[in-house]
Amino acid sequence: MACLDTTVLLDLIGRGGRRKQAAAELKMRQLEHDLPHSITRFNFAELLVGFELATNLERERAVFDRILARLRILEFDAKSMRLYAAIFVRLHALELLPGTMDMLIASVALAHGQRLVTRNVRHFEYIPGLRVETY
């Protein structure tokens, strides 16, 4: 299964422009054989922040609700917590800390054995063991 990063969802609802939306839609068609897709609670929280800042909140929520209905939400469980701590310590020692939300998202994807689909590969490239796909 594939865990979708926030960038994928934002592109699917058109936030990144038409070119990025088309690329995200193509990637989703390529992943149709690998259902169900998932997101983490952290991606969900990032989206909620975006909705609060949106000029057309109702339209974006309606589009996202249709997308969310087809996604499984992955929880931040004990295994995810341990992985987060290990990722943080390893990357801190290398002075390569990405954002906290990115490390949390990665830890959940790893804990659940899923690869992460994102447009922002550089946010996740130093996280050991994480399989990352882009579009």
N, C-alpha and C. Protein backbone atom coordinates (compact mmCIF):
# COMPACT_ATOMS: atom_id res chain seq x y z
N MET A 1 0.83 -1.19 0.00
CA MET A 1 0.00 0.00 0.00
C MET A 1 0.88 1.25 0.00
N ALA A 2 0.25 2.34 -0.37
CA ALA A 2 0.96 3.62 -0.44
C ALA A 2 0.35 4.61 0.54
N CYS A 3 1.21 5.25 1.27
CA CYS A 3 0.80 6.33 2.19
C CYS A 3 1.03 7.64 1.44
N LEU A 4 -0.01 8.43 1.31
CA LEU A 4 0.05 9.67 0.55
C LEU A 4 0.45 10.83 1.45
N ASP A 5 1.45 11.56 1.02
CA ASP A 5 1.87 12.75 1.75
C ASP A 5 0.88 13.88 1.45
N THR A 6 0.95 14.90 2.25
CA THR A 6 0.06 16.06 2.10
C THR A 6 0.19 16.68 0.73
N THR A 7 1.39 16.70 0.15
CA THR A 7 1.57 17.30 -1.17
C THR A 7 0.68 16.64 -2.22
N VAL A 8 0.53 15.32 -2.14
CA VAL A 8 -0.30 14.61 -3.11
C VAL A 8 -1.74 15.08 -2.99
N LEU A 9 -2.23 15.16 -1.77
CA LEU A 9 -3.62 15.54 -1.56
C LEU A 9 -3.87 16.99 -1.98
N LEU A 10 -2.93 17.88 -1.68
CA LEU A 10 -3.07 19.27 -2.10
C LEU A 10 -3.05 19.38 -3.62
N ASP A 11 -2.18 18.61 -4.25
CA ASP A 11 -2.14 18.64 -5.71
C ASP A 11 -3.43 18.08 -6.30
N LEU A 12 -3.97 17.02 -5.71
CA LEU A 12 -5.22 16.44 -6.22
C LEU A 12 -6.39 17.41 -6.15
N ILE A 13 -6.42 18.28 -5.15
CA ILE A 13 -7.52 19.25 -5.07
C ILE A 13 -7.21 20.54 -5.83
N GLY A 14 -6.05 20.58 -6.49
CA GLY A 14 -5.74 21.71 -7.34
C GLY A 14 -4.94 22.83 -6.72
N ARG A 15 -4.48 22.65 -5.51
CA ARG A 15 -3.72 23.72 -4.83
C ARG A 15 -2.38 24.02 -5.48
N GLY A 16 -1.78 23.05 -6.14
CA GLY A 16 -0.45 23.25 -6.73
C GLY A 16 -0.49 23.71 -8.17
N GLY A 17 -1.66 23.93 -8.70
CA GLY A 17 -1.80 24.31 -10.10
C GLY A 17 -2.15 23.12 -10.96
N ARG A 18 -2.51 23.40 -12.19
CA ARG A 18 -2.99 22.35 -13.10
C ARG A 18 -1.94 21.30 -13.44
N ARG A 19 -0.70 21.73 -13.64
CA ARG A 19 0.34 20.77 -14.00
C ARG A 19 0.58 19.76 -12.87
N LYS A 20 0.66 20.25 -11.65
CA LYS A 20 0.87 19.36 -10.50
C LYS A 20 -0.36 18.49 -10.25
N GLN A 21 -1.54 19.05 -10.49
CA GLN A 21 -2.76 18.28 -10.32
C GLN A 21 -2.78 17.12 -11.32
N ALA A 22 -2.43 17.39 -12.56
CA ALA A 22 -2.40 16.34 -13.58
C ALA A 22 -1.36 15.27 -13.23
N ALA A 23 -0.21 15.69 -12.72
CA ALA A 23 0.83 14.73 -12.34
C ALA A 23 0.36 13.85 -11.17
N ALA A 24 -0.30 14.46 -10.19
CA ALA A 24 -0.82 13.70 -9.05
C ALA A 24 -1.91 12.73 -9.49
N GLU A 25 -2.78 13.17 -10.39
CA GLU A 25 -3.84 12.28 -10.89
C GLU A 25 -3.26 11.11 -11.66
N LEU A 26 -2.22 11.36 -12.45
CA LEU A 26 -1.56 10.28 -13.17
C LEU A 26 -0.93 9.29 -12.19
N LYS A 27 -0.27 9.79 -11.17
CA LYS A 27 0.34 8.91 -10.16
C LYS A 27 -0.73 8.06 -9.49
N MET A 28 -1.87 8.66 -9.17
CA MET A 28 -2.95 7.91 -8.52
C MET A 28 -3.47 6.80 -9.45
N ARG A 29 -3.55 7.07 -10.74
CA ARG A 29 -3.96 6.02 -11.68
C ARG A 29 -2.94 4.89 -11.70
N GLN A 30 -1.65 5.25 -11.61
CA GLN A 30 -0.60 4.23 -11.58
C GLN A 30 -0.66 3.38 -10.32
N LEU A 31 -1.23 3.94 -9.27
CA LEU A 31 -1.30 3.24 -7.98
C LEU A 31 -2.64 2.52 -7.76
N GLU A 32 -3.52 2.53 -8.74
CA GLU A 32 -4.84 1.93 -8.58
C GLU A 32 -4.78 0.45 -8.21
N HIS A 33 -3.74 -0.24 -8.62
CA HIS A 33 -3.60 -1.67 -8.33
C HIS A 33 -3.25 -1.92 -6.86
N ASP A 34 -2.93 -0.87 -6.15
CA ASP A 34 -2.38 -0.98 -4.80
C ASP A 34 -3.29 -0.31 -3.77
N LEU A 35 -4.55 -0.65 -3.80
CA LEU A 35 -5.52 -0.03 -2.89
C LEU A 35 -5.67 -0.85 -1.62
N PRO A 36 -6.11 -0.31 -0.51
CA PRO A 36 -6.44 1.10 -0.33
C PRO A 36 -5.20 1.92 -0.02
N HIS A 37 -5.27 3.19 -0.37
CA HIS A 37 -4.20 4.11 -0.02
C HIS A 37 -4.47 4.64 1.38
N SER A 38 -3.47 5.29 1.93
CA SER A 38 -3.63 5.78 3.30
C SER A 38 -3.02 7.16 3.45
N ILE A 39 -3.32 7.78 4.57
CA ILE A 39 -2.66 9.00 5.04
C ILE A 39 -2.44 8.81 6.53
N THR A 40 -1.65 9.69 7.10
CA THR A 40 -1.46 9.65 8.55
C THR A 40 -2.32 10.74 9.20
N ARG A 41 -2.49 10.64 10.49
CA ARG A 41 -3.19 11.70 11.22
C ARG A 41 -2.47 13.04 11.07
N PHE A 42 -1.16 12.98 10.88
CA PHE A 42 -0.38 14.21 10.74
C PHE A 42 -0.67 14.89 9.41
N ASN A 43 -0.84 14.09 8.34
CA ASN A 43 -1.24 14.67 7.06
C ASN A 43 -2.61 15.32 7.19
N PHE A 44 -3.50 14.63 7.89
CA PHE A 44 -4.85 15.15 8.10
C PHE A 44 -4.78 16.50 8.83
N ALA A 45 -3.95 16.60 9.85
CA ALA A 45 -3.82 17.85 10.60
C ALA A 45 -3.27 18.97 9.70
N GLU A 46 -2.28 18.65 8.86
CA GLU A 46 -1.75 19.65 7.94
C GLU A 46 -2.83 20.15 6.98
N LEU A 47 -3.66 19.24 6.51
CA LEU A 47 -4.75 19.64 5.61
C LEU A 47 -5.76 20.54 6.31
N LEU A 48 -6.07 20.22 7.55
CA LEU A 48 -7.02 21.05 8.29
C LEU A 48 -6.51 22.48 8.45
N VAL A 49 -5.22 22.63 8.68
CA VAL A 49 -4.63 23.97 8.75
C VAL A 49 -4.83 24.68 7.41
N GLY A 50 -4.56 23.97 6.34
CA GLY A 50 -4.74 24.55 5.00
C GLY A 50 -6.17 24.97 4.74
N PHE A 51 -7.11 24.16 5.19
CA PHE A 51 -8.52 24.51 5.00
C PHE A 51 -8.88 25.79 5.74
N GLU A 52 -8.34 25.92 6.94
CA GLU A 52 -8.63 27.12 7.73
C GLU A 52 -8.09 28.38 7.06
N LEU A 53 -7.05 28.22 6.25
CA LEU A 53 -6.44 29.36 5.55
C LEU A 53 -7.02 29.58 4.16
N ALA A 54 -7.83 28.66 3.68
CA ALA A 54 -8.35 28.70 2.31
C ALA A 54 -9.35 29.83 2.11
N THR A 55 -9.37 30.34 0.89
CA THR A 55 -10.34 31.37 0.55
C THR A 55 -11.71 30.75 0.26
N ASN A 56 -11.73 29.50 -0.22
CA ASN A 56 -12.98 28.82 -0.49
C ASN A 56 -13.01 27.51 0.30
N LEU A 57 -13.17 27.66 1.61
CA LEU A 57 -13.12 26.55 2.54
C LEU A 57 -14.10 25.44 2.19
N GLU A 58 -15.33 25.78 1.90
CA GLU A 58 -16.35 24.76 1.63
C GLU A 58 -16.03 23.94 0.39
N ARG A 59 -15.56 24.58 -0.68
CA ARG A 59 -15.24 23.85 -1.90
C ARG A 59 -14.10 22.87 -1.65
N GLU A 60 -13.04 23.33 -0.98
CA GLU A 60 -11.90 22.46 -0.73
C GLU A 60 -12.27 21.31 0.19
N ARG A 61 -13.06 21.57 1.21
CA ARG A 61 -13.47 20.48 2.10
C ARG A 61 -14.32 19.45 1.37
N ALA A 62 -15.19 19.91 0.49
CA ALA A 62 -16.03 18.98 -0.26
C ALA A 62 -15.18 18.07 -1.14
N VAL A 63 -14.21 18.65 -1.82
CA VAL A 63 -13.32 17.85 -2.67
C VAL A 63 -12.52 16.88 -1.81
N PHE A 64 -11.98 17.37 -0.70
CA PHE A 64 -11.17 16.51 0.16
C PHE A 64 -12.01 15.40 0.79
N ASP A 65 -13.23 15.70 1.18
CA ASP A 65 -14.10 14.67 1.77
C ASP A 65 -14.29 13.50 0.81
N ARG A 66 -14.41 13.79 -0.48
CA ARG A 66 -14.54 12.71 -1.48
C ARG A 66 -13.26 11.88 -1.54
N ILE A 67 -12.12 12.56 -1.46
CA ILE A 67 -10.84 11.84 -1.48
C ILE A 67 -10.66 11.04 -0.19
N LEU A 68 -10.93 11.67 0.95
CA LEU A 68 -10.73 11.03 2.24
C LEU A 68 -11.59 9.77 2.40
N ALA A 69 -12.75 9.75 1.81
CA ALA A 69 -13.65 8.60 1.92
C ALA A 69 -13.00 7.32 1.39
N ARG A 70 -12.00 7.47 0.52
CA ARG A 70 -11.35 6.30 -0.07
C ARG A 70 -10.02 5.97 0.60
N LEU A 71 -9.65 6.72 1.63
CA LEU A 71 -8.34 6.53 2.27
C LEU A 71 -8.47 5.91 3.65
N ARG A 72 -7.46 5.17 4.02
CA ARG A 72 -7.34 4.60 5.36
C ARG A 72 -6.44 5.53 6.17
N ILE A 73 -6.80 5.81 7.39
CA ILE A 73 -5.97 6.69 8.23
C ILE A 73 -5.09 5.82 9.12
N LEU A 74 -3.78 6.04 9.00
CA LEU A 74 -2.81 5.30 9.80
C LEU A 74 -2.56 6.03 11.11
N GLU A 75 -2.54 5.28 12.19
CA GLU A 75 -2.39 5.87 13.52
C GLU A 75 -0.92 5.93 13.95
N PHE A 76 -0.66 6.86 14.83
CA PHE A 76 0.66 7.02 15.44
C PHE A 76 0.68 6.12 16.68
N ASP A 77 1.10 4.88 16.47
CA ASP A 77 1.06 3.88 17.53
C ASP A 77 2.43 3.76 18.22
N ALA A 78 2.55 2.80 19.10
CA ALA A 78 3.80 2.63 19.87
C ALA A 78 5.00 2.37 18.95
N LYS A 79 4.82 1.56 17.93
CA LYS A 79 5.91 1.28 16.99
C LYS A 79 6.31 2.57 16.26
N SER A 80 5.34 3.37 15.85
CA SER A 80 5.62 4.66 15.20
C SER A 80 6.40 5.58 16.12
N MET A 81 6.03 5.59 17.40
CA MET A 81 6.72 6.44 18.37
C MET A 81 8.19 6.07 18.50
N ARG A 82 8.45 4.76 18.59
CA ARG A 82 9.84 4.30 18.70
C ARG A 82 10.63 4.65 17.44
N LEU A 83 10.00 4.47 16.28
CA LEU A 83 10.68 4.82 15.03
C LEU A 83 10.94 6.31 14.93
N TYR A 84 9.98 7.11 15.37
CA TYR A 84 10.17 8.56 15.36
C TYR A 84 11.39 8.94 16.20
N ALA A 85 11.48 8.38 17.39
CA ALA A 85 12.62 8.69 18.26
C ALA A 85 13.93 8.27 17.61
N ALA A 86 13.97 7.09 17.02
CA ALA A 86 15.19 6.61 16.37
C ALA A 86 15.56 7.49 15.18
N ILE A 87 14.58 7.89 14.38
CA ILE A 87 14.82 8.77 13.24
C ILE A 87 15.37 10.10 13.72
N PHE A 88 14.71 10.66 14.72
CA PHE A 88 15.13 11.96 15.24
C PHE A 88 16.59 11.92 15.72
N VAL A 89 16.92 10.93 16.54
CA VAL A 89 18.27 10.82 17.09
C VAL A 89 19.30 10.63 15.98
N ARG A 90 19.02 9.76 15.03
CA ARG A 90 19.97 9.50 13.94
C ARG A 90 20.20 10.75 13.10
N LEU A 91 19.12 11.42 12.70
CA LEU A 91 19.27 12.59 11.85
C LEU A 91 19.84 13.79 12.61
N HIS A 92 19.53 13.87 13.89
CA HIS A 92 20.10 14.94 14.71
C HIS A 92 21.62 14.79 14.78
N ALA A 93 22.08 13.57 14.94
CA ALA A 93 23.52 13.31 15.00
C ALA A 93 24.21 13.68 13.69
N LEU A 94 23.49 13.56 12.58
CA LEU A 94 24.03 13.89 11.26
C LEU A 94 23.77 15.35 10.88
N GLU A 95 23.10 16.07 11.76
CA GLU A 95 22.69 17.46 11.51
C GLU A 95 21.87 17.58 10.24
N LEU A 96 20.95 16.64 10.06
CA LEU A 96 20.09 16.58 8.88
C LEU A 96 18.61 16.56 9.25
N LEU A 97 18.19 17.32 10.22
CA LEU A 97 16.81 17.24 10.67
C LEU A 97 15.83 17.88 9.69
N PRO A 98 14.93 17.07 9.13
CA PRO A 98 13.82 17.66 8.36
C PRO A 98 12.80 18.20 9.36
N GLY A 99 11.67 18.67 8.88
CA GLY A 99 10.63 19.16 9.78
C GLY A 99 10.08 18.05 10.66
N THR A 100 9.61 18.42 11.82
CA THR A 100 9.05 17.44 12.76
C THR A 100 7.89 16.69 12.15
N MET A 101 6.98 17.40 11.47
CA MET A 101 5.83 16.72 10.86
C MET A 101 6.29 15.68 9.84
N ASP A 102 7.32 16.00 9.08
CA ASP A 102 7.82 15.04 8.09
C ASP A 102 8.38 13.78 8.76
N MET A 103 9.09 13.96 9.86
CA MET A 103 9.61 12.79 10.58
C MET A 103 8.47 11.97 11.19
N LEU A 104 7.43 12.64 11.68
CA LEU A 104 6.28 11.93 12.23
C LEU A 104 5.55 11.14 11.14
N ILE A 105 5.33 11.78 10.00
CA ILE A 105 4.67 11.11 8.87
C ILE A 105 5.50 9.91 8.43
N ALA A 106 6.80 10.09 8.31
CA ALA A 106 7.68 8.99 7.90
C ALA A 106 7.64 7.85 8.90
N SER A 107 7.64 8.16 10.18
CA SER A 107 7.65 7.10 11.19
C SER A 107 6.38 6.26 11.12
N VAL A 108 5.26 6.90 10.85
CA VAL A 108 3.99 6.16 10.73
C VAL A 108 4.01 5.28 9.49
N ALA A 109 4.46 5.83 8.36
CA ALA A 109 4.53 5.03 7.13
C ALA A 109 5.44 3.82 7.34
N LEU A 110 6.59 4.04 7.94
CA LEU A 110 7.52 2.93 8.22
C LEU A 110 6.90 1.89 9.14
N ALA A 111 6.28 2.34 10.21
CA ALA A 111 5.68 1.42 11.19
C ALA A 111 4.61 0.54 10.56
N HIS A 112 3.92 1.08 9.58
CA HIS A 112 2.84 0.34 8.93
C HIS A 112 3.29 -0.34 7.64
N GLY A 113 4.61 -0.30 7.37
CA GLY A 113 5.16 -1.00 6.22
C GLY A 113 4.73 -0.43 4.88
N GLN A 114 4.51 0.86 4.83
CA GLN A 114 4.05 1.47 3.59
C GLN A 114 5.10 2.40 3.01
N ARG A 115 5.10 2.49 1.70
CA ARG A 115 5.96 3.48 1.05
C ARG A 115 5.22 4.81 1.06
N LEU A 116 5.98 5.88 0.96
CA LEU A 116 5.41 7.22 1.02
C LEU A 116 5.45 7.84 -0.38
N VAL A 117 4.30 8.33 -0.82
CA VAL A 117 4.21 9.02 -2.11
C VAL A 117 4.16 10.51 -1.81
N THR A 118 5.11 11.25 -2.41
CA THR A 118 5.22 12.68 -2.13
C THR A 118 5.81 13.40 -3.33
N ARG A 119 5.55 14.69 -3.41
CA ARG A 119 6.22 15.53 -4.39
C ARG A 119 7.52 16.09 -3.79
N ASN A 120 7.63 16.10 -2.48
CA ASN A 120 8.79 16.67 -1.79
C ASN A 120 9.75 15.59 -1.30
N VAL A 121 10.42 14.97 -2.21
CA VAL A 121 11.34 13.88 -1.88
C VAL A 121 12.42 14.36 -0.91
N ARG A 122 12.90 15.58 -1.09
CA ARG A 122 14.01 16.06 -0.26
C ARG A 122 13.63 16.14 1.22
N HIS A 123 12.34 16.24 1.54
CA HIS A 123 11.93 16.26 2.94
C HIS A 123 12.12 14.90 3.61
N PHE A 124 12.23 13.85 2.80
CA PHE A 124 12.25 12.49 3.34
C PHE A 124 13.48 11.68 2.94
N GLU A 125 14.38 12.27 2.15
CA GLU A 125 15.47 11.49 1.57
C GLU A 125 16.47 10.94 2.58
N TYR A 126 16.58 11.52 3.74
CA TYR A 126 17.57 11.06 4.73
C TYR A 126 16.97 10.12 5.78
N ILE A 127 15.73 9.77 5.63
CA ILE A 127 15.10 8.93 6.64
C ILE A 127 15.37 7.46 6.29
N PRO A 128 16.13 6.79 7.15
CA PRO A 128 16.57 5.41 6.85
C PRO A 128 15.40 4.43 6.76
N GLY A 129 15.44 3.64 5.69
CA GLY A 129 14.45 2.57 5.53
C GLY A 129 13.16 3.01 4.87
N LEU A 130 12.94 4.30 4.72
CA LEU A 130 11.69 4.78 4.13
C LEU A 130 11.75 4.66 2.62
N ARG A 131 10.77 3.99 2.06
CA ARG A 131 10.66 3.89 0.60
C ARG A 131 9.82 5.08 0.13
N VAL A 132 10.37 5.86 -0.77
CA VAL A 132 9.71 7.09 -1.23
C VAL A 132 9.49 7.01 -2.73
N GLU A 133 8.28 7.37 -3.17
CA GLU A 133 7.96 7.49 -4.60
C GLU A 133 7.55 8.92 -4.84
N THR A 134 7.83 9.41 -6.04
CA THR A 134 7.43 10.75 -6.40
C THR A 134 6.70 10.74 -7.73
N TYR A 135 6.32 11.91 -8.16
CA TYR A 135 5.64 12.06 -9.45
C TYR A 135 6.05 13.36 -10.08
